[in-house]
ModelCIF file with pLDDT and N, C-alpha, C, O atoms, coordinates in Angstrom:
data_MODEL
#
_entry.id   MODEL 
#
_entity.id                         1 
_entity.type                       polymer 
_entity.pdbx_number_of_molecules   1 
#
_entity_poly.entity_id                      1 
_entity_poly.type                           'polypeptide(L)' 
_entity_poly.nstd_linkage                   no 
_entity_poly.nstd_monomer                   no 
_entity_poly.pdbx_seq_one_letter_code       
;(UNK)(UNK)(UNK)(UNK)(UNK)(UNK)(UNK)(UNK)(UNK)(UNK)(UNK)(UNK)(UNK)(UNK)(UNK)(UNK)
(UNK)(UNK)(UNK)(UNK)(UNK)(UNK)(UNK)(UNK)(UNK)(UNK)(UNK)(UNK)(UNK)(UNK)(UNK)(UNK)
(UNK)(UNK)(UNK)(UNK)(UNK)(UNK)(UNK)(UNK)(UNK)(UNK)(UNK)(UNK)
;
_entity_poly.pdbx_seq_one_letter_code_can   XXXXXXXXXXXXXXXXXXXXXXXXXXXXXXXXXXXXXXXXXXXX 
_entity_poly.pdbx_strand_id                 A 
#
loop_
_entity_poly_seq.entity_id 
_entity_poly_seq.num 
_entity_poly_seq.mon_id 
_entity_poly_seq.hetero 
1 1  UNK n 
1 2  UNK n 
1 3  UNK n 
1 4  UNK n 
1 5  UNK n 
1 6  UNK n 
1 7  UNK n 
1 8  UNK n 
1 9  UNK n 
1 10 UNK n 
1 11 UNK n 
1 12 UNK n 
1 13 UNK n 
1 14 UNK n 
1 15 UNK n 
1 16 UNK n 
1 17 UNK n 
1 18 UNK n 
1 19 UNK n 
1 20 UNK n 
1 21 UNK n 
1 22 UNK n 
1 23 UNK n 
1 24 UNK n 
1 25 UNK n 
1 26 UNK n 
1 27 UNK n 
1 28 UNK n 
1 29 UNK n 
1 30 UNK n 
1 31 UNK n 
1 32 UNK n 
1 33 UNK n 
1 34 UNK n 
1 35 UNK n 
1 36 UNK n 
1 37 UNK n 
1 38 UNK n 
1 39 UNK n 
1 40 UNK n 
1 41 UNK n 
1 42 UNK n 
1 43 UNK n 
1 44 UNK n 
#
_struct_asym.id          A 
_struct_asym.entity_id   1 
#
loop_
_ma_qa_metric.id 
_ma_qa_metric.mode 
_ma_qa_metric.name 
_ma_qa_metric.software_group_id 
_ma_qa_metric.type 
1 global pLDDT . pLDDT 
2 local  pLDDT . pLDDT 
#
_ma_qa_metric_global.metric_id      1 
_ma_qa_metric_global.metric_value   90.23 
_ma_qa_metric_global.model_id       1 
_ma_qa_metric_global.ordinal_id     1 
#
loop_
_ma_qa_metric_local.label_asym_id 
_ma_qa_metric_local.label_comp_id 
_ma_qa_metric_local.label_seq_id 
_ma_qa_metric_local.metric_id 
_ma_qa_metric_local.metric_value 
_ma_qa_metric_local.model_id 
_ma_qa_metric_local.ordinal_id 
A UNK 1  2 96.00 1 1  
A UNK 2  2 94.00 1 2  
A UNK 3  2 94.00 1 3  
A UNK 4  2 88.00 1 4  
A UNK 5  2 86.00 1 5  
A UNK 6  2 81.00 1 6  
A UNK 7  2 77.00 1 7  
A UNK 8  2 82.00 1 8  
A UNK 9  2 81.00 1 9  
A UNK 10 2 80.00 1 10 
A UNK 11 2 84.00 1 11 
A UNK 12 2 88.00 1 12 
A UNK 13 2 85.00 1 13 
A UNK 14 2 84.00 1 14 
A UNK 15 2 87.00 1 15 
A UNK 16 2 89.00 1 16 
A UNK 17 2 87.00 1 17 
A UNK 18 2 86.00 1 18 
A UNK 19 2 88.00 1 19 
A UNK 20 2 92.00 1 20 
A UNK 21 2 93.00 1 21 
A UNK 22 2 93.00 1 22 
A UNK 23 2 90.00 1 23 
A UNK 24 2 90.00 1 24 
A UNK 25 2 92.00 1 25 
A UNK 26 2 92.00 1 26 
A UNK 27 2 90.00 1 27 
A UNK 28 2 91.00 1 28 
A UNK 29 2 90.00 1 29 
A UNK 30 2 91.00 1 30 
A UNK 31 2 92.00 1 31 
A UNK 32 2 94.00 1 32 
A UNK 33 2 93.00 1 33 
A UNK 34 2 95.00 1 34 
A UNK 35 2 96.00 1 35 
A UNK 36 2 96.00 1 36 
A UNK 37 2 96.00 1 37 
A UNK 38 2 95.00 1 38 
A UNK 39 2 93.00 1 39 
A UNK 40 2 94.00 1 40 
A UNK 41 2 95.00 1 41 
A UNK 42 2 96.00 1 42 
A UNK 43 2 97.00 1 43 
A UNK 44 2 97.00 1 44 
#
loop_
_atom_site.group_PDB 
_atom_site.id 
_atom_site.type_symbol 
_atom_site.label_atom_id 
_atom_site.label_alt_id 
_atom_site.label_comp_id 
_atom_site.label_asym_id 
_atom_site.label_entity_id 
_atom_site.label_seq_id 
_atom_site.pdbx_PDB_ins_code 
_atom_site.Cartn_x 
_atom_site.Cartn_y 
_atom_site.Cartn_z 
_atom_site.occupancy 
_atom_site.B_iso_or_equiv 
_atom_site.pdbx_formal_charge 
_atom_site.auth_seq_id 
_atom_site.auth_comp_id 
_atom_site.auth_asym_id 
_atom_site.auth_atom_id 
_atom_site.pdbx_PDB_model_num 
ATOM 1   N N  . UNK A 1 1  ? -28.507 34.256 -87.392  1.00 96.00 ? 1  UNK A N  1 
ATOM 2   C CA . UNK A 1 1  ? -29.582 33.466 -87.571  1.00 96.00 ? 1  UNK A CA 1 
ATOM 3   C C  . UNK A 1 1  ? -29.825 34.621 -89.173  1.00 96.00 ? 1  UNK A C  1 
ATOM 4   O O  . UNK A 1 1  ? -28.995 34.676 -90.081  1.00 96.00 ? 1  UNK A O  1 
ATOM 5   N N  . UNK A 1 2  ? -31.190 35.446 -89.138  1.00 94.00 ? 2  UNK A N  1 
ATOM 6   C CA . UNK A 1 2  ? -31.219 36.009 -90.842  1.00 94.00 ? 2  UNK A CA 1 
ATOM 7   C C  . UNK A 1 2  ? -30.459 36.888 -90.230  1.00 94.00 ? 2  UNK A C  1 
ATOM 8   O O  . UNK A 1 2  ? -30.348 37.424 -89.128  1.00 94.00 ? 2  UNK A O  1 
ATOM 9   N N  . UNK A 1 3  ? -29.708 36.873 -91.821  1.00 94.00 ? 3  UNK A N  1 
ATOM 10  C CA . UNK A 1 3  ? -28.147 38.240 -91.554  1.00 94.00 ? 3  UNK A CA 1 
ATOM 11  C C  . UNK A 1 3  ? -28.766 38.812 -92.751  1.00 94.00 ? 3  UNK A C  1 
ATOM 12  O O  . UNK A 1 3  ? -29.237 38.164 -93.686  1.00 94.00 ? 3  UNK A O  1 
ATOM 13  N N  . UNK A 1 4  ? -28.721 40.145 -92.630  1.00 88.00 ? 4  UNK A N  1 
ATOM 14  C CA . UNK A 1 4  ? -29.243 41.100 -93.839  1.00 88.00 ? 4  UNK A CA 1 
ATOM 15  C C  . UNK A 1 4  ? -28.323 40.657 -95.250  1.00 88.00 ? 4  UNK A C  1 
ATOM 16  O O  . UNK A 1 4  ? -27.191 41.137 -95.200  1.00 88.00 ? 4  UNK A O  1 
ATOM 17  N N  . UNK A 1 5  ? -28.575 39.900 -96.394  1.00 86.00 ? 5  UNK A N  1 
ATOM 18  C CA . UNK A 1 5  ? -28.046 39.485 -97.095  1.00 86.00 ? 5  UNK A CA 1 
ATOM 19  C C  . UNK A 1 5  ? -28.487 39.423 -98.204  1.00 86.00 ? 5  UNK A C  1 
ATOM 20  O O  . UNK A 1 5  ? -29.655 39.744 -97.986  1.00 86.00 ? 5  UNK A O  1 
ATOM 21  N N  . UNK A 1 6  ? -28.410 39.224 -99.374  1.00 81.00 ? 6  UNK A N  1 
ATOM 22  C CA . UNK A 1 6  ? -29.431 38.988 -100.521 1.00 81.00 ? 6  UNK A CA 1 
ATOM 23  C C  . UNK A 1 6  ? -29.857 37.289 -100.635 1.00 81.00 ? 6  UNK A C  1 
ATOM 24  O O  . UNK A 1 6  ? -30.876 36.770 -101.090 1.00 81.00 ? 6  UNK A O  1 
ATOM 25  N N  . UNK A 1 7  ? -28.944 36.834 -100.181 1.00 77.00 ? 7  UNK A N  1 
ATOM 26  C CA . UNK A 1 7  ? -29.520 35.066 -99.642  1.00 77.00 ? 7  UNK A CA 1 
ATOM 27  C C  . UNK A 1 7  ? -31.186 35.607 -99.130  1.00 77.00 ? 7  UNK A C  1 
ATOM 28  O O  . UNK A 1 7  ? -32.228 35.371 -99.742  1.00 77.00 ? 7  UNK A O  1 
ATOM 29  N N  . UNK A 1 8  ? -31.061 36.274 -98.020  1.00 82.00 ? 8  UNK A N  1 
ATOM 30  C CA . UNK A 1 8  ? -31.894 35.903 -97.070  1.00 82.00 ? 8  UNK A CA 1 
ATOM 31  C C  . UNK A 1 8  ? -33.417 37.060 -97.759  1.00 82.00 ? 8  UNK A C  1 
ATOM 32  O O  . UNK A 1 8  ? -34.635 36.903 -97.668  1.00 82.00 ? 8  UNK A O  1 
ATOM 33  N N  . UNK A 1 9  ? -32.760 37.921 -98.268  1.00 81.00 ? 9  UNK A N  1 
ATOM 34  C CA . UNK A 1 9  ? -34.148 38.519 -99.370  1.00 81.00 ? 9  UNK A CA 1 
ATOM 35  C C  . UNK A 1 9  ? -34.671 37.734 -100.561 1.00 81.00 ? 9  UNK A C  1 
ATOM 36  O O  . UNK A 1 9  ? -35.783 37.954 -101.042 1.00 81.00 ? 9  UNK A O  1 
ATOM 37  N N  . UNK A 1 10 ? -33.904 36.888 -100.984 1.00 80.00 ? 10 UNK A N  1 
ATOM 38  C CA . UNK A 1 10 ? -34.641 36.164 -101.839 1.00 80.00 ? 10 UNK A CA 1 
ATOM 39  C C  . UNK A 1 10 ? -35.169 34.722 -101.336 1.00 80.00 ? 10 UNK A C  1 
ATOM 40  O O  . UNK A 1 10 ? -35.641 33.912 -102.133 1.00 80.00 ? 10 UNK A O  1 
ATOM 41  N N  . UNK A 1 11 ? -35.097 34.563 -100.489 1.00 84.00 ? 11 UNK A N  1 
ATOM 42  C CA . UNK A 1 11 ? -36.052 33.989 -99.680  1.00 84.00 ? 11 UNK A CA 1 
ATOM 43  C C  . UNK A 1 11 ? -37.676 34.410 -99.366  1.00 84.00 ? 11 UNK A C  1 
ATOM 44  O O  . UNK A 1 11 ? -38.702 33.729 -99.337  1.00 84.00 ? 11 UNK A O  1 
ATOM 45  N N  . UNK A 1 12 ? -37.437 35.728 -99.165  1.00 88.00 ? 12 UNK A N  1 
ATOM 46  C CA . UNK A 1 12 ? -38.411 36.016 -98.665  1.00 88.00 ? 12 UNK A CA 1 
ATOM 47  C C  . UNK A 1 12 ? -40.238 35.429 -99.766  1.00 88.00 ? 12 UNK A C  1 
ATOM 48  O O  . UNK A 1 12 ? -41.254 34.851 -99.379  1.00 88.00 ? 12 UNK A O  1 
ATOM 49  N N  . UNK A 1 13 ? -39.984 35.760 -100.601 1.00 85.00 ? 13 UNK A N  1 
ATOM 50  C CA . UNK A 1 13 ? -40.764 35.312 -102.004 1.00 85.00 ? 13 UNK A CA 1 
ATOM 51  C C  . UNK A 1 13 ? -41.318 33.662 -101.674 1.00 85.00 ? 13 UNK A C  1 
ATOM 52  O O  . UNK A 1 13 ? -42.486 33.320 -101.857 1.00 85.00 ? 13 UNK A O  1 
ATOM 53  N N  . UNK A 1 14 ? -40.210 32.719 -101.145 1.00 84.00 ? 14 UNK A N  1 
ATOM 54  C CA . UNK A 1 14 ? -40.252 31.237 -101.499 1.00 84.00 ? 14 UNK A CA 1 
ATOM 55  C C  . UNK A 1 14 ? -40.808 31.485 -100.059 1.00 84.00 ? 14 UNK A C  1 
ATOM 56  O O  . UNK A 1 14 ? -41.974 31.105 -100.162 1.00 84.00 ? 14 UNK A O  1 
ATOM 57  N N  . UNK A 1 15 ? -40.634 31.887 -98.843  1.00 87.00 ? 15 UNK A N  1 
ATOM 58  C CA . UNK A 1 15 ? -41.166 31.711 -97.362  1.00 87.00 ? 15 UNK A CA 1 
ATOM 59  C C  . UNK A 1 15 ? -42.399 32.369 -97.216  1.00 87.00 ? 15 UNK A C  1 
ATOM 60  O O  . UNK A 1 15 ? -42.813 32.261 -96.062  1.00 87.00 ? 15 UNK A O  1 
ATOM 61  N N  . UNK A 1 16 ? -43.267 33.122 -98.083  1.00 89.00 ? 16 UNK A N  1 
ATOM 62  C CA . UNK A 1 16 ? -44.596 33.556 -98.408  1.00 89.00 ? 16 UNK A CA 1 
ATOM 63  C C  . UNK A 1 16 ? -45.466 32.217 -99.090  1.00 89.00 ? 16 UNK A C  1 
ATOM 64  O O  . UNK A 1 16 ? -46.477 31.662 -98.660  1.00 89.00 ? 16 UNK A O  1 
ATOM 65  N N  . UNK A 1 17 ? -44.628 31.927 -100.364 1.00 87.00 ? 17 UNK A N  1 
ATOM 66  C CA . UNK A 1 17 ? -45.442 31.095 -101.529 1.00 87.00 ? 17 UNK A CA 1 
ATOM 67  C C  . UNK A 1 17 ? -45.324 29.801 -100.184 1.00 87.00 ? 17 UNK A C  1 
ATOM 68  O O  . UNK A 1 17 ? -46.444 29.415 -99.850  1.00 87.00 ? 17 UNK A O  1 
ATOM 69  N N  . UNK A 1 18 ? -44.209 29.151 -99.445  1.00 86.00 ? 18 UNK A N  1 
ATOM 70  C CA . UNK A 1 18 ? -44.854 27.953 -98.884  1.00 86.00 ? 18 UNK A CA 1 
ATOM 71  C C  . UNK A 1 18 ? -45.093 28.302 -97.790  1.00 86.00 ? 18 UNK A C  1 
ATOM 72  O O  . UNK A 1 18 ? -44.591 27.373 -97.157  1.00 86.00 ? 18 UNK A O  1 
ATOM 73  N N  . UNK A 1 19 ? -45.620 29.169 -96.847  1.00 88.00 ? 19 UNK A N  1 
ATOM 74  C CA . UNK A 1 19 ? -46.211 29.516 -95.506  1.00 88.00 ? 19 UNK A CA 1 
ATOM 75  C C  . UNK A 1 19 ? -47.690 29.981 -96.176  1.00 88.00 ? 19 UNK A C  1 
ATOM 76  O O  . UNK A 1 19 ? -48.605 29.694 -95.404  1.00 88.00 ? 19 UNK A O  1 
ATOM 77  N N  . UNK A 1 20 ? -48.078 30.523 -97.219  1.00 92.00 ? 20 UNK A N  1 
ATOM 78  C CA . UNK A 1 20 ? -49.250 31.088 -97.573  1.00 92.00 ? 20 UNK A CA 1 
ATOM 79  C C  . UNK A 1 20 ? -49.967 32.058 -97.020  1.00 92.00 ? 20 UNK A C  1 
ATOM 80  O O  . UNK A 1 20 ? -51.158 31.955 -96.727  1.00 92.00 ? 20 UNK A O  1 
ATOM 81  N N  . UNK A 1 21 ? -48.955 33.484 -96.781  1.00 93.00 ? 21 UNK A N  1 
ATOM 82  C CA . UNK A 1 21 ? -48.951 34.086 -96.133  1.00 93.00 ? 21 UNK A CA 1 
ATOM 83  C C  . UNK A 1 21 ? -48.577 35.593 -97.148  1.00 93.00 ? 21 UNK A C  1 
ATOM 84  O O  . UNK A 1 21 ? -48.048 35.336 -98.229  1.00 93.00 ? 21 UNK A O  1 
ATOM 85  N N  . UNK A 1 22 ? -48.773 36.758 -96.906  1.00 93.00 ? 22 UNK A N  1 
ATOM 86  C CA . UNK A 1 22 ? -48.021 37.760 -97.687  1.00 93.00 ? 22 UNK A CA 1 
ATOM 87  C C  . UNK A 1 22 ? -46.663 38.279 -97.647  1.00 93.00 ? 22 UNK A C  1 
ATOM 88  O O  . UNK A 1 22 ? -46.237 38.398 -96.498  1.00 93.00 ? 22 UNK A O  1 
ATOM 89  N N  . UNK A 1 23 ? -45.950 38.584 -98.471  1.00 90.00 ? 23 UNK A N  1 
ATOM 90  C CA . UNK A 1 23 ? -44.553 38.572 -98.521  1.00 90.00 ? 23 UNK A CA 1 
ATOM 91  C C  . UNK A 1 23 ? -44.438 39.773 -97.649  1.00 90.00 ? 23 UNK A C  1 
ATOM 92  O O  . UNK A 1 23 ? -43.268 39.653 -97.283  1.00 90.00 ? 23 UNK A O  1 
ATOM 93  N N  . UNK A 1 24 ? -44.885 40.852 -97.077  1.00 90.00 ? 24 UNK A N  1 
ATOM 94  C CA . UNK A 1 24 ? -45.408 41.389 -96.412  1.00 90.00 ? 24 UNK A CA 1 
ATOM 95  C C  . UNK A 1 24 ? -44.864 40.685 -94.581  1.00 90.00 ? 24 UNK A C  1 
ATOM 96  O O  . UNK A 1 24 ? -43.940 40.993 -93.827  1.00 90.00 ? 24 UNK A O  1 
ATOM 97  N N  . UNK A 1 25 ? -45.652 39.971 -94.517  1.00 92.00 ? 25 UNK A N  1 
ATOM 98  C CA . UNK A 1 25 ? -45.796 39.559 -92.780  1.00 92.00 ? 25 UNK A CA 1 
ATOM 99  C C  . UNK A 1 25 ? -44.350 38.207 -92.863  1.00 92.00 ? 25 UNK A C  1 
ATOM 100 O O  . UNK A 1 25 ? -44.361 37.323 -92.007  1.00 92.00 ? 25 UNK A O  1 
ATOM 101 N N  . UNK A 1 26 ? -43.442 38.219 -93.739  1.00 92.00 ? 26 UNK A N  1 
ATOM 102 C CA . UNK A 1 26 ? -42.315 36.672 -93.449  1.00 92.00 ? 26 UNK A CA 1 
ATOM 103 C C  . UNK A 1 26 ? -41.634 37.491 -92.380  1.00 92.00 ? 26 UNK A C  1 
ATOM 104 O O  . UNK A 1 26 ? -41.558 36.894 -91.306  1.00 92.00 ? 26 UNK A O  1 
ATOM 105 N N  . UNK A 1 27 ? -40.963 39.074 -92.403  1.00 90.00 ? 27 UNK A N  1 
ATOM 106 C CA . UNK A 1 27 ? -40.054 39.018 -91.255  1.00 90.00 ? 27 UNK A CA 1 
ATOM 107 C C  . UNK A 1 27 ? -40.731 38.835 -90.186  1.00 90.00 ? 27 UNK A C  1 
ATOM 108 O O  . UNK A 1 27 ? -40.524 37.929 -89.379  1.00 90.00 ? 27 UNK A O  1 
ATOM 109 N N  . UNK A 1 28 ? -41.584 39.681 -90.107  1.00 91.00 ? 28 UNK A N  1 
ATOM 110 C CA . UNK A 1 28 ? -41.694 39.062 -88.499  1.00 91.00 ? 28 UNK A CA 1 
ATOM 111 C C  . UNK A 1 28 ? -42.783 37.911 -88.215  1.00 91.00 ? 28 UNK A C  1 
ATOM 112 O O  . UNK A 1 28 ? -43.165 37.527 -87.110  1.00 91.00 ? 28 UNK A O  1 
ATOM 113 N N  . UNK A 1 29 ? -43.107 37.547 -89.228  1.00 90.00 ? 29 UNK A N  1 
ATOM 114 C CA . UNK A 1 29 ? -44.386 35.929 -88.369  1.00 90.00 ? 29 UNK A CA 1 
ATOM 115 C C  . UNK A 1 29 ? -42.930 34.619 -88.885  1.00 90.00 ? 29 UNK A C  1 
ATOM 116 O O  . UNK A 1 29 ? -42.910 33.515 -88.340  1.00 90.00 ? 29 UNK A O  1 
ATOM 117 N N  . UNK A 1 30 ? -42.141 34.907 -89.671  1.00 91.00 ? 30 UNK A N  1 
ATOM 118 C CA . UNK A 1 30 ? -41.327 33.734 -90.017  1.00 91.00 ? 30 UNK A CA 1 
ATOM 119 C C  . UNK A 1 30 ? -39.368 33.988 -89.372  1.00 91.00 ? 30 UNK A C  1 
ATOM 120 O O  . UNK A 1 30 ? -38.522 33.437 -88.667  1.00 91.00 ? 30 UNK A O  1 
ATOM 121 N N  . UNK A 1 31 ? -39.540 35.003 -90.098  1.00 92.00 ? 31 UNK A N  1 
ATOM 122 C CA . UNK A 1 31 ? -37.712 35.351 -89.912  1.00 92.00 ? 31 UNK A CA 1 
ATOM 123 C C  . UNK A 1 31 ? -37.407 35.804 -88.208  1.00 92.00 ? 31 UNK A C  1 
ATOM 124 O O  . UNK A 1 31 ? -36.605 35.444 -87.347  1.00 92.00 ? 31 UNK A O  1 
ATOM 125 N N  . UNK A 1 32 ? -38.385 36.662 -88.280  1.00 94.00 ? 32 UNK A N  1 
ATOM 126 C CA . UNK A 1 32 ? -38.197 36.601 -86.540  1.00 94.00 ? 32 UNK A CA 1 
ATOM 127 C C  . UNK A 1 32 ? -38.780 36.512 -85.283  1.00 94.00 ? 32 UNK A C  1 
ATOM 128 O O  . UNK A 1 32 ? -38.641 37.020 -84.170  1.00 94.00 ? 32 UNK A O  1 
ATOM 129 N N  . UNK A 1 33 ? -39.521 35.644 -85.873  1.00 93.00 ? 33 UNK A N  1 
ATOM 130 C CA . UNK A 1 33 ? -40.214 34.961 -84.799  1.00 93.00 ? 33 UNK A CA 1 
ATOM 131 C C  . UNK A 1 33 ? -39.645 34.046 -83.786  1.00 93.00 ? 33 UNK A C  1 
ATOM 132 O O  . UNK A 1 33 ? -40.119 34.166 -82.657  1.00 93.00 ? 33 UNK A O  1 
ATOM 133 N N  . UNK A 1 34 ? -38.764 33.194 -83.953  1.00 95.00 ? 34 UNK A N  1 
ATOM 134 C CA . UNK A 1 34 ? -37.499 32.692 -83.386  1.00 95.00 ? 34 UNK A CA 1 
ATOM 135 C C  . UNK A 1 34 ? -36.491 33.236 -82.016  1.00 95.00 ? 34 UNK A C  1 
ATOM 136 O O  . UNK A 1 34 ? -36.019 32.683 -81.023  1.00 95.00 ? 34 UNK A O  1 
ATOM 137 N N  . UNK A 1 35 ? -36.471 34.760 -82.642  1.00 96.00 ? 35 UNK A N  1 
ATOM 138 C CA . UNK A 1 35 ? -35.536 35.394 -81.890  1.00 96.00 ? 35 UNK A CA 1 
ATOM 139 C C  . UNK A 1 35 ? -36.268 36.047 -80.899  1.00 96.00 ? 35 UNK A C  1 
ATOM 140 O O  . UNK A 1 35 ? -37.468 36.307 -80.994  1.00 96.00 ? 35 UNK A O  1 
ATOM 141 N N  . UNK A 1 36 ? -35.099 36.485 -79.342  1.00 96.00 ? 36 UNK A N  1 
ATOM 142 C CA . UNK A 1 36 ? -35.466 37.657 -78.900  1.00 96.00 ? 36 UNK A CA 1 
ATOM 143 C C  . UNK A 1 36 ? -35.481 38.972 -79.356  1.00 96.00 ? 36 UNK A C  1 
ATOM 144 O O  . UNK A 1 36 ? -36.140 39.995 -79.174  1.00 96.00 ? 36 UNK A O  1 
ATOM 145 N N  . UNK A 1 37 ? -34.566 38.609 -79.986  1.00 96.00 ? 37 UNK A N  1 
ATOM 146 C CA . UNK A 1 37 ? -33.669 40.194 -80.259  1.00 96.00 ? 37 UNK A CA 1 
ATOM 147 C C  . UNK A 1 37 ? -34.667 40.546 -81.663  1.00 96.00 ? 37 UNK A C  1 
ATOM 148 O O  . UNK A 1 37 ? -34.597 39.577 -82.420  1.00 96.00 ? 37 UNK A O  1 
ATOM 149 N N  . UNK A 1 38 ? -35.494 41.547 -82.185  1.00 95.00 ? 38 UNK A N  1 
ATOM 150 C CA . UNK A 1 38 ? -35.948 41.424 -83.444  1.00 95.00 ? 38 UNK A CA 1 
ATOM 151 C C  . UNK A 1 38 ? -35.551 42.346 -84.553  1.00 95.00 ? 38 UNK A C  1 
ATOM 152 O O  . UNK A 1 38 ? -36.122 43.371 -84.926  1.00 95.00 ? 38 UNK A O  1 
ATOM 153 N N  . UNK A 1 39 ? -34.395 41.750 -85.034  1.00 93.00 ? 39 UNK A N  1 
ATOM 154 C CA . UNK A 1 39 ? -33.433 42.122 -86.024  1.00 93.00 ? 39 UNK A CA 1 
ATOM 155 C C  . UNK A 1 39 ? -32.828 41.538 -86.249  1.00 93.00 ? 39 UNK A C  1 
ATOM 156 O O  . UNK A 1 39 ? -32.187 40.814 -85.487  1.00 93.00 ? 39 UNK A O  1 
ATOM 157 N N  . UNK A 1 40 ? -32.744 41.628 -87.898  1.00 94.00 ? 40 UNK A N  1 
ATOM 158 C CA . UNK A 1 40 ? -31.490 40.794 -88.686  1.00 94.00 ? 40 UNK A CA 1 
ATOM 159 C C  . UNK A 1 40 ? -30.452 41.167 -88.138  1.00 94.00 ? 40 UNK A C  1 
ATOM 160 O O  . UNK A 1 40 ? -30.187 42.228 -87.572  1.00 94.00 ? 40 UNK A O  1 
ATOM 161 N N  . UNK A 1 41 ? -29.695 40.014 -88.368  1.00 95.00 ? 41 UNK A N  1 
ATOM 162 C CA . UNK A 1 41 ? -27.690 40.184 -88.094  1.00 95.00 ? 41 UNK A CA 1 
ATOM 163 C C  . UNK A 1 41 ? -27.494 40.894 -89.328  1.00 95.00 ? 41 UNK A C  1 
ATOM 164 O O  . UNK A 1 41 ? -28.053 40.787 -90.419  1.00 95.00 ? 41 UNK A O  1 
ATOM 165 N N  . UNK A 1 42 ? -26.452 41.740 -88.858  1.00 96.00 ? 42 UNK A N  1 
ATOM 166 C CA . UNK A 1 42 ? -25.685 42.487 -89.668  1.00 96.00 ? 42 UNK A CA 1 
ATOM 167 C C  . UNK A 1 42 ? -24.488 42.107 -89.913  1.00 96.00 ? 42 UNK A C  1 
ATOM 168 O O  . UNK A 1 42 ? -23.918 41.881 -88.846  1.00 96.00 ? 42 UNK A O  1 
ATOM 169 N N  . UNK A 1 43 ? -23.892 41.943 -90.715  1.00 97.00 ? 43 UNK A N  1 
ATOM 170 C CA . UNK A 1 43 ? -23.002 40.976 -91.974  1.00 97.00 ? 43 UNK A CA 1 
ATOM 171 C C  . UNK A 1 43 ? -21.613 41.521 -90.993  1.00 97.00 ? 43 UNK A C  1 
ATOM 172 O O  . UNK A 1 43 ? -20.770 40.755 -90.526  1.00 97.00 ? 43 UNK A O  1 
ATOM 173 N N  . UNK A 1 44 ? -21.628 43.035 -90.824  1.00 97.00 ? 44 UNK A N  1 
ATOM 174 C CA . UNK A 1 44 ? -19.902 42.977 -90.495  1.00 97.00 ? 44 UNK A CA 1 
ATOM 175 C C  . UNK A 1 44 ? -20.049 41.948 -88.826  1.00 97.00 ? 44 UNK A C  1 
ATOM 176 O O  . UNK A 1 44 ? -19.035 41.647 -88.195  1.00 97.00 ? 44 UNK A O  1 
#
């Protein structure tokens, strides 16, 4: 799922614009909404 990477970090502004929500809400409302474990995956 969403991994803590520069690629994901760069998506936040795009996601906010596309969904019409503040950037501060992207992680909870978009990226972590479908997952049971409410955390980003770590690269390791």
